[in-house]
């Protein structure tokens, strides 16, 4: 057994064990920490396969942003998790159905690759030789040439989702002075200056 196989089994075992702890840990903070450990080991598996770009994206995006955000949200919100777990059995049939569908898809994919191994060689865009083209450059070639329109549509969907989240959560307070640019531009000397005539002996 080579060194690469040893690291593969090590990363895979820790990833599977951590994934099980994510759903079985009673403390939600511990679940998020185990989720971060899953991402770390998944990044190690990506490195073993030569997909260094996906490994770095997994570390930077999912661990550096998503998982840490989950951790802070769970720690800051006062959520009664005991009440949430009390009704978990009513979702068991749906969960079993989803699990069976995913298991059937895995059986179809693995069975197809075993019965017809030549199907993997009939892909339209084969993986280039890592010695001549790195994984990051190959992903960039595919993403920004063949799928550039889909990439732009995905960015547009994320932009619309971000604007929608801002609009839905924005609340204007009545006791705060806000700047109105159109009202300031439309001011005239007659409305901007008020002449007050003060009689002698009287204050303003």
C-alpha atoms as a PDB file:
ATOM      1  CA  UNK A   1       0.000   0.000   0.000  1.00  0.00           C
ATOM      2  CA  UNK A   2       1.473   3.305  -1.096  1.00  0.00           C
ATOM      3  CA  UNK A   3       1.547   6.582   0.771  1.00  0.00           C
ATOM      4  CA  UNK A   4      -1.237   8.032  -1.378  1.00  0.00           C
ATOM      5  CA  UNK A   5      -3.548   5.113  -0.531  1.00  0.00           C
ATOM      6  CA  UNK A   6      -2.820   5.530   3.181  1.00  0.00           C
ATOM      7  CA  UNK A   7      -3.741   9.210   3.074  1.00  0.00           C
ATOM      8  CA  UNK A   8      -6.856   8.407   1.040  1.00  0.00           C
ATOM      9  CA  UNK A   9      -8.176   5.952   3.619  1.00  0.00           C
ATOM     10  CA  UNK A  10      -7.234   8.317   6.430  1.00  0.00           C
ATOM     11  CA  UNK A  11      -9.051  11.320   4.916  1.00  0.00           C
ATOM     12  CA  UNK A  12     -12.036   9.185   3.881  1.00  0.00           C
ATOM     13  CA  UNK A  13     -12.440   7.581   7.321  1.00  0.00           C
ATOM     14  CA  UNK A  14     -12.232  10.909   9.173  1.00  0.00           C
ATOM     15  CA  UNK A  15     -14.632  12.546   6.685  1.00  0.00           C
ATOM     16  CA  UNK A  16     -17.252   9.786   7.055  1.00  0.00           C
ATOM     17  CA  UNK A  17     -16.902   9.720  10.852  1.00  0.00           C
ATOM     18  CA  UNK A  18     -17.168  13.519  11.060  1.00  0.00           C
ATOM     19  CA  UNK A  19     -20.227  13.519   8.771  1.00  0.00           C
ATOM     20  CA  UNK A  20     -21.897  11.026  11.094  1.00  0.00           C
ATOM     21  CA  UNK A  21     -21.076  13.238  14.080  1.00  0.00           C
ATOM     22  CA  UNK A  22     -22.615  16.256  12.326  1.00  0.00           C
ATOM     23  CA  UNK A  23     -26.049  14.644  12.415  1.00  0.00           C
ATOM     24  CA  UNK A  24     -25.641  12.820  15.743  1.00  0.00           C
ATOM     25  CA  UNK A  25     -24.067  15.496  17.961  1.00  0.00           C
ATOM     26  CA  UNK A  26     -26.488  16.940  20.520  1.00  0.00           C
ATOM     27  CA  UNK A  27     -24.778  20.335  20.639  1.00  0.00           C
ATOM     28  CA  UNK A  28     -25.336  22.321  17.409  1.00  0.00           C
ATOM     29  CA  UNK A  29     -22.008  24.120  17.856  1.00  0.00           C
ATOM     30  CA  UNK A  30     -20.243  20.764  17.901  1.00  0.00           C
ATOM     31  CA  UNK A  31     -22.128  19.806  14.719  1.00  0.00           C
ATOM     32  CA  UNK A  32     -20.771  22.864  12.910  1.00  0.00           C
ATOM     33  CA  UNK A  33     -17.239  22.115  14.123  1.00  0.00           C
ATOM     34  CA  UNK A  34     -17.521  18.546  12.829  1.00  0.00           C
ATOM     35  CA  UNK A  35     -18.805  19.983   9.543  1.00  0.00           C
ATOM     36  CA  UNK A  36     -15.643  22.075   9.267  1.00  0.00           C
ATOM     37  CA  UNK A  37     -13.615  18.897   9.851  1.00  0.00           C
ATOM     38  CA  UNK A  38     -15.539  17.203   7.019  1.00  0.00           C
ATOM     39  CA  UNK A  39     -14.640  20.061   4.677  1.00  0.00           C
ATOM     40  CA  UNK A  40     -10.960  19.820   5.621  1.00  0.00           C
ATOM     41  CA  UNK A  41     -10.803  16.109   4.851  1.00  0.00           C
ATOM     42  CA  UNK A  42     -12.785  16.539   1.633  1.00  0.00           C
ATOM     43  CA  UNK A  43     -10.224  19.148   0.566  1.00  0.00           C
ATOM     44  CA  UNK A  44      -7.493  16.600   1.282  1.00  0.00           C
ATOM     45  CA  UNK A  45      -9.259  14.082  -0.958  1.00  0.00           C
ATOM     46  CA  UNK A  46      -9.472  16.673  -3.731  1.00  0.00           C
ATOM     47  CA  UNK A  47      -5.729  17.289  -3.432  1.00  0.00           C
ATOM     48  CA  UNK A  48      -5.038  13.579  -3.767  1.00  0.00           C
ATOM     49  CA  UNK A  49      -6.977  13.487  -7.049  1.00  0.00           C
ATOM     50  CA  UNK A  50      -5.099  16.511  -8.428  1.00  0.00           C
ATOM     51  CA  UNK A  51      -8.005  18.963  -8.130  1.00  0.00           C
ATOM     52  CA  UNK A  52      -6.121  21.606  -6.194  1.00  0.00           C
ATOM     53  CA  UNK A  53      -8.480  24.394  -7.264  1.00  0.00           C
ATOM     54  CA  UNK A  54     -11.528  22.640  -5.827  1.00  0.00           C
ATOM     55  CA  UNK A  55      -9.597  21.941  -2.623  1.00  0.00           C
ATOM     56  CA  UNK A  56      -8.693  25.606  -2.165  1.00  0.00           C
ATOM     57  CA  UNK A  57     -12.245  26.727  -2.977  1.00  0.00           C
ATOM     58  CA  UNK A  58     -13.554  24.275  -0.382  1.00  0.00           C
ATOM     59  CA  UNK A  59     -11.229  25.729   2.242  1.00  0.00           C
ATOM     60  CA  UNK A  60     -11.688  29.401   1.395  1.00  0.00           C
ATOM     61  CA  UNK A  61     -15.415  29.511   0.596  1.00  0.00           C
ATOM     62  CA  UNK A  62     -17.026  26.743   2.607  1.00  0.00           C
ATOM     63  CA  UNK A  63     -14.813  26.788   5.687  1.00  0.00           C
ATOM     64  CA  UNK A  64     -13.767  30.432   5.653  1.00  0.00           C
ATOM     65  CA  UNK A  65     -17.245  31.805   5.000  1.00  0.00           C
ATOM     66  CA  UNK A  66     -20.168  29.382   5.080  1.00  0.00           C
ATOM     67  CA  UNK A  67     -19.206  27.135   7.998  1.00  0.00           C
ATOM     68  CA  UNK A  68     -17.925  30.016  10.125  1.00  0.00           C
ATOM     69  CA  UNK A  69     -21.138  31.925   9.383  1.00  0.00           C
ATOM     70  CA  UNK A  70     -23.164  28.900  10.497  1.00  0.00           C
ATOM     71  CA  UNK A  71     -21.109  28.735  13.679  1.00  0.00           C
ATOM     72  CA  UNK A  72     -21.665  32.394  14.555  1.00  0.00           C
ATOM     73  CA  UNK A  73     -25.376  32.211  13.736  1.00  0.00           C
ATOM     74  CA  UNK A  74     -25.862  29.119  15.888  1.00  0.00           C
ATOM     75  CA  UNK A  75     -23.938  30.687  18.768  1.00  0.00           C
ATOM     76  CA  UNK A  76     -25.727  34.051  18.591  1.00  0.00           C
ATOM     77  CA  UNK A  77     -29.322  32.887  18.101  1.00  0.00           C
ATOM     78  CA  UNK A  78     -31.236  31.662  21.107  1.00  0.00           C
ATOM     79  CA  UNK A  79     -32.851  28.642  19.477  1.00  0.00           C
ATOM     80  CA  UNK A  80     -34.644  25.933  21.413  1.00  0.00           C
ATOM     81  CA  UNK A  81     -33.091  22.920  19.694  1.00  0.00           C
ATOM     82  CA  UNK A  82     -34.832  20.497  22.033  1.00  0.00           C
ATOM     83  CA  UNK A  83     -38.164  21.688  20.650  1.00  0.00           C
ATOM     84  CA  UNK A  84     -36.892  21.348  17.078  1.00  0.00           C
ATOM     85  CA  UNK A  85     -35.752  17.765  17.677  1.00  0.00           C
ATOM     86  CA  UNK A  86     -39.077  16.796  19.238  1.00  0.00           C
ATOM     87  CA  UNK A  87     -40.815  16.708  15.847  1.00  0.00           C
ATOM     88  CA  UNK A  88     -38.023  15.079  13.872  1.00  0.00           C
ATOM     89  CA  UNK A  89     -39.860  11.755  13.549  1.00  0.00           C
ATOM     90  CA  UNK A  90     -42.567  13.286  11.378  1.00  0.00           C
ATOM     91  CA  UNK A  91     -39.948  13.994   8.708  1.00  0.00           C
ATOM     92  CA  UNK A  92     -38.587  10.425   8.790  1.00  0.00           C
ATOM     93  CA  UNK A  93     -40.647   9.142   5.794  1.00  0.00           C
ATOM     94  CA  UNK A  94     -39.482  12.002   3.577  1.00  0.00           C
ATOM     95  CA  UNK A  95     -35.901  11.503   4.724  1.00  0.00           C
ATOM     96  CA  UNK A  96     -36.066   7.784   3.954  1.00  0.00           C
ATOM     97  CA  UNK A  97     -37.504   8.518   0.511  1.00  0.00           C
ATOM     98  CA  UNK A  98     -34.695  10.966  -0.290  1.00  0.00           C
ATOM     99  CA  UNK A  99     -32.132   8.484   1.013  1.00  0.00           C
ATOM    100  CA  UNK A 100     -33.524   5.716  -1.189  1.00  0.00           C
ATOM    101  CA  UNK A 101     -33.438   7.975  -4.260  1.00  0.00           C
ATOM    102  CA  UNK A 102     -29.805   8.937  -3.600  1.00  0.00           C
ATOM    103  CA  UNK A 103     -28.875   5.284  -2.991  1.00  0.00           C
ATOM    104  CA  UNK A 104     -30.562   4.261  -6.260  1.00  0.00           C
ATOM    105  CA  UNK A 105     -28.632   6.957  -8.152  1.00  0.00           C
ATOM    106  CA  UNK A 106     -25.347   5.745  -6.649  1.00  0.00           C
ATOM    107  CA  UNK A 107     -26.161   2.161  -7.617  1.00  0.00           C
ATOM    108  CA  UNK A 108     -26.934   3.242 -11.185  1.00  0.00           C
ATOM    109  CA  UNK A 109     -23.727   5.271 -11.497  1.00  0.00           C
ATOM    110  CA  UNK A 110     -21.439   2.664  -9.920  1.00  0.00           C
ATOM    111  CA  UNK A 111     -23.139  -0.206 -11.742  1.00  0.00           C
ATOM    112  CA  UNK A 112     -22.899   1.617 -15.051  1.00  0.00           C
ATOM    113  CA  UNK A 113     -19.187   2.296 -14.587  1.00  0.00           C
ATOM    114  CA  UNK A 114     -18.565  -1.357 -13.697  1.00  0.00           C
ATOM    115  CA  UNK A 115     -20.654  -2.882 -16.500  1.00  0.00           C
ATOM    116  CA  UNK A 116     -19.558  -0.433 -19.201  1.00  0.00           C
ATOM    117  CA  UNK A 117     -16.084   0.897 -18.321  1.00  0.00           C
ATOM    118  CA  UNK A 118     -15.703   2.332 -21.828  1.00  0.00           C
ATOM    119  CA  UNK A 119     -18.391   4.938 -21.047  1.00  0.00           C
ATOM    120  CA  UNK A 120     -15.891   6.959 -19.004  1.00  0.00           C
ATOM    121  CA  UNK A 121     -13.663   7.266 -22.072  1.00  0.00           C
ATOM    122  CA  UNK A 122     -16.453   8.627 -24.269  1.00  0.00           C
ATOM    123  CA  UNK A 123     -16.735  12.013 -22.556  1.00  0.00           C
ATOM    124  CA  UNK A 124     -16.817  15.031 -24.846  1.00  0.00           C
ATOM    125  CA  UNK A 125     -14.162  17.008 -22.952  1.00  0.00           C
ATOM    126  CA  UNK A 126     -11.454  14.719 -21.545  1.00  0.00           C
ATOM    127  CA  UNK A 127      -9.243  15.805 -18.674  1.00  0.00           C
ATOM    128  CA  UNK A 128      -5.950  17.243 -19.993  1.00  0.00           C
ATOM    129  CA  UNK A 129      -2.580  15.969 -18.909  1.00  0.00           C
ATOM    130  CA  UNK A 130      -1.619  17.641 -15.582  1.00  0.00           C
ATOM    131  CA  UNK A 131       1.943  17.976 -16.844  1.00  0.00           C
ATOM    132  CA  UNK A 132       0.842  20.252 -19.684  1.00  0.00           C
ATOM    133  CA  UNK A 133      -2.246  21.940 -18.235  1.00  0.00           C
ATOM    134  CA  UNK A 134      -3.025  22.489 -14.576  1.00  0.00           C
ATOM    135  CA  UNK A 135      -6.413  21.703 -13.076  1.00  0.00           C
ATOM    136  CA  UNK A 136      -7.199  25.368 -12.436  1.00  0.00           C
ATOM    137  CA  UNK A 137      -6.377  26.383 -16.002  1.00  0.00           C
ATOM    138  CA  UNK A 138      -8.428  23.485 -17.425  1.00  0.00           C
ATOM    139  CA  UNK A 139     -11.461  24.499 -15.341  1.00  0.00           C
ATOM    140  CA  UNK A 140     -11.050  28.090 -16.510  1.00  0.00           C
ATOM    141  CA  UNK A 141     -10.921  26.989 -20.150  1.00  0.00           C
ATOM    142  CA  UNK A 142     -14.175  25.064 -19.815  1.00  0.00           C
ATOM    143  CA  UNK A 143     -15.979  27.584 -17.621  1.00  0.00           C
ATOM    144  CA  UNK A 144     -15.194  30.720 -19.615  1.00  0.00           C
ATOM    145  CA  UNK A 145     -15.558  29.224 -23.099  1.00  0.00           C
ATOM    146  CA  UNK A 146     -18.160  26.453 -23.312  1.00  0.00           C
ATOM    147  CA  UNK A 147     -20.239  27.475 -20.291  1.00  0.00           C
ATOM    148  CA  UNK A 148     -19.690  31.222 -20.137  1.00  0.00           C
ATOM    149  CA  UNK A 149     -23.407  32.030 -20.599  1.00  0.00           C
ATOM    150  CA  UNK A 150     -24.434  29.627 -17.856  1.00  0.00           C
ATOM    151  CA  UNK A 151     -21.775  31.205 -15.642  1.00  0.00           C
ATOM    152  CA  UNK A 152     -23.213  34.663 -16.270  1.00  0.00           C
ATOM    153  CA  UNK A 153     -26.768  33.422 -15.614  1.00  0.00           C
ATOM    154  CA  UNK A 154     -25.661  31.893 -12.314  1.00  0.00           C
ATOM    155  CA  UNK A 155     -24.091  35.204 -11.302  1.00  0.00           C
ATOM    156  CA  UNK A 156     -27.292  37.039 -12.257  1.00  0.00           C
ATOM    157  CA  UNK A 157     -29.394  34.639 -10.173  1.00  0.00           C
ATOM    158  CA  UNK A 158     -27.122  35.201  -7.154  1.00  0.00           C
ATOM    159  CA  UNK A 159     -27.332  38.973  -7.662  1.00  0.00           C
ATOM    160  CA  UNK A 160     -31.144  38.870  -7.763  1.00  0.00           C
ATOM    161  CA  UNK A 161     -31.177  36.689  -4.634  1.00  0.00           C
ATOM    162  CA  UNK A 162     -28.901  39.136  -2.812  1.00  0.00           C
ATOM    163  CA  UNK A 163     -31.052  42.131  -3.795  1.00  0.00           C
ATOM    164  CA  UNK A 164     -34.193  40.247  -2.739  1.00  0.00           C
ATOM    165  CA  UNK A 165     -32.707  39.410   0.650  1.00  0.00           C
ATOM    166  CA  UNK A 166     -31.761  43.057   1.202  1.00  0.00           C
ATOM    167  CA  UNK A 167     -35.215  44.293   0.191  1.00  0.00           C
ATOM    168  CA  UNK A 168     -37.033  41.767   2.379  1.00  0.00           C
ATOM    169  CA  UNK A 169     -34.927  42.470   5.472  1.00  0.00           C
ATOM    170  CA  UNK A 170     -34.601  46.272   5.114  1.00  0.00           C
ATOM    171  CA  UNK A 171     -36.599  48.164   7.695  1.00  0.00           C
ATOM    172  CA  UNK A 172     -36.822  51.974   7.717  1.00  0.00           C
ATOM    173  CA  UNK A 173     -36.958  53.581  11.142  1.00  0.00           C
ATOM    174  CA  UNK A 174     -39.077  56.658  11.606  1.00  0.00           C
ATOM    175  CA  UNK A 175     -36.883  58.350  14.212  1.00  0.00           C
ATOM    176  CA  UNK A 176     -33.724  58.432  12.072  1.00  0.00           C
ATOM    177  CA  UNK A 177     -32.850  61.272   9.709  1.00  0.00           C
ATOM    178  CA  UNK A 178     -31.999  59.994   6.237  1.00  0.00           C
ATOM    179  CA  UNK A 179     -30.503  61.790   3.280  1.00  0.00           C
ATOM    180  CA  UNK A 180     -32.820  62.463   0.338  1.00  0.00           C
ATOM    181  CA  UNK A 181     -30.680  63.345  -2.689  1.00  0.00           C
ATOM    182  CA  UNK A 182     -33.607  64.304  -4.943  1.00  0.00           C
ATOM    183  CA  UNK A 183     -35.006  66.682  -2.330  1.00  0.00           C
ATOM    184  CA  UNK A 184     -31.621  68.323  -1.871  1.00  0.00           C
ATOM    185  CA  UNK A 185     -31.100  68.788  -5.610  1.00  0.00           C
ATOM    186  CA  UNK A 186     -34.598  70.264  -6.035  1.00  0.00           C
ATOM    187  CA  UNK A 187     -34.030  72.981  -3.433  1.00  0.00           C
ATOM    188  CA  UNK A 188     -34.363  76.589  -4.524  1.00  0.00           C
ATOM    189  CA  UNK A 189     -33.181  79.773  -2.792  1.00  0.00           C
ATOM    190  CA  UNK A 190     -36.779  80.483  -1.817  1.00  0.00           C
ATOM    191  CA  UNK A 191     -37.102  77.178   0.006  1.00  0.00           C
ATOM    192  CA  UNK A 192     -33.551  77.002   1.295  1.00  0.00           C
ATOM    193  CA  UNK A 193     -33.459  80.396   3.027  1.00  0.00           C
ATOM    194  CA  UNK A 194     -36.022  81.653   5.478  1.00  0.00           C
ATOM    195  CA  UNK A 195     -35.954  85.355   6.370  1.00  0.00           C
ATOM    196  CA  UNK A 196     -37.212  86.013   9.883  1.00  0.00           C
ATOM    197  CA  UNK A 197     -38.037  89.561  10.989  1.00  0.00           C
ATOM    198  CA  UNK A 198     -37.356  89.980  14.665  1.00  0.00           C
ATOM    199  CA  UNK A 199     -38.877  92.869  16.523  1.00  0.00           C
ATOM    200  CA  UNK A 200     -36.598  94.888  18.785  1.00  0.00           C
ATOM    201  CA  UNK A 201     -36.396  93.438  22.256  1.00  0.00           C
ATOM    202  CA  UNK A 202     -37.587  90.000  21.254  1.00  0.00           C
ATOM    203  CA  UNK A 203     -35.575  86.887  20.655  1.00  0.00           C
ATOM    204  CA  UNK A 204     -35.781  84.567  17.733  1.00  0.00           C
END
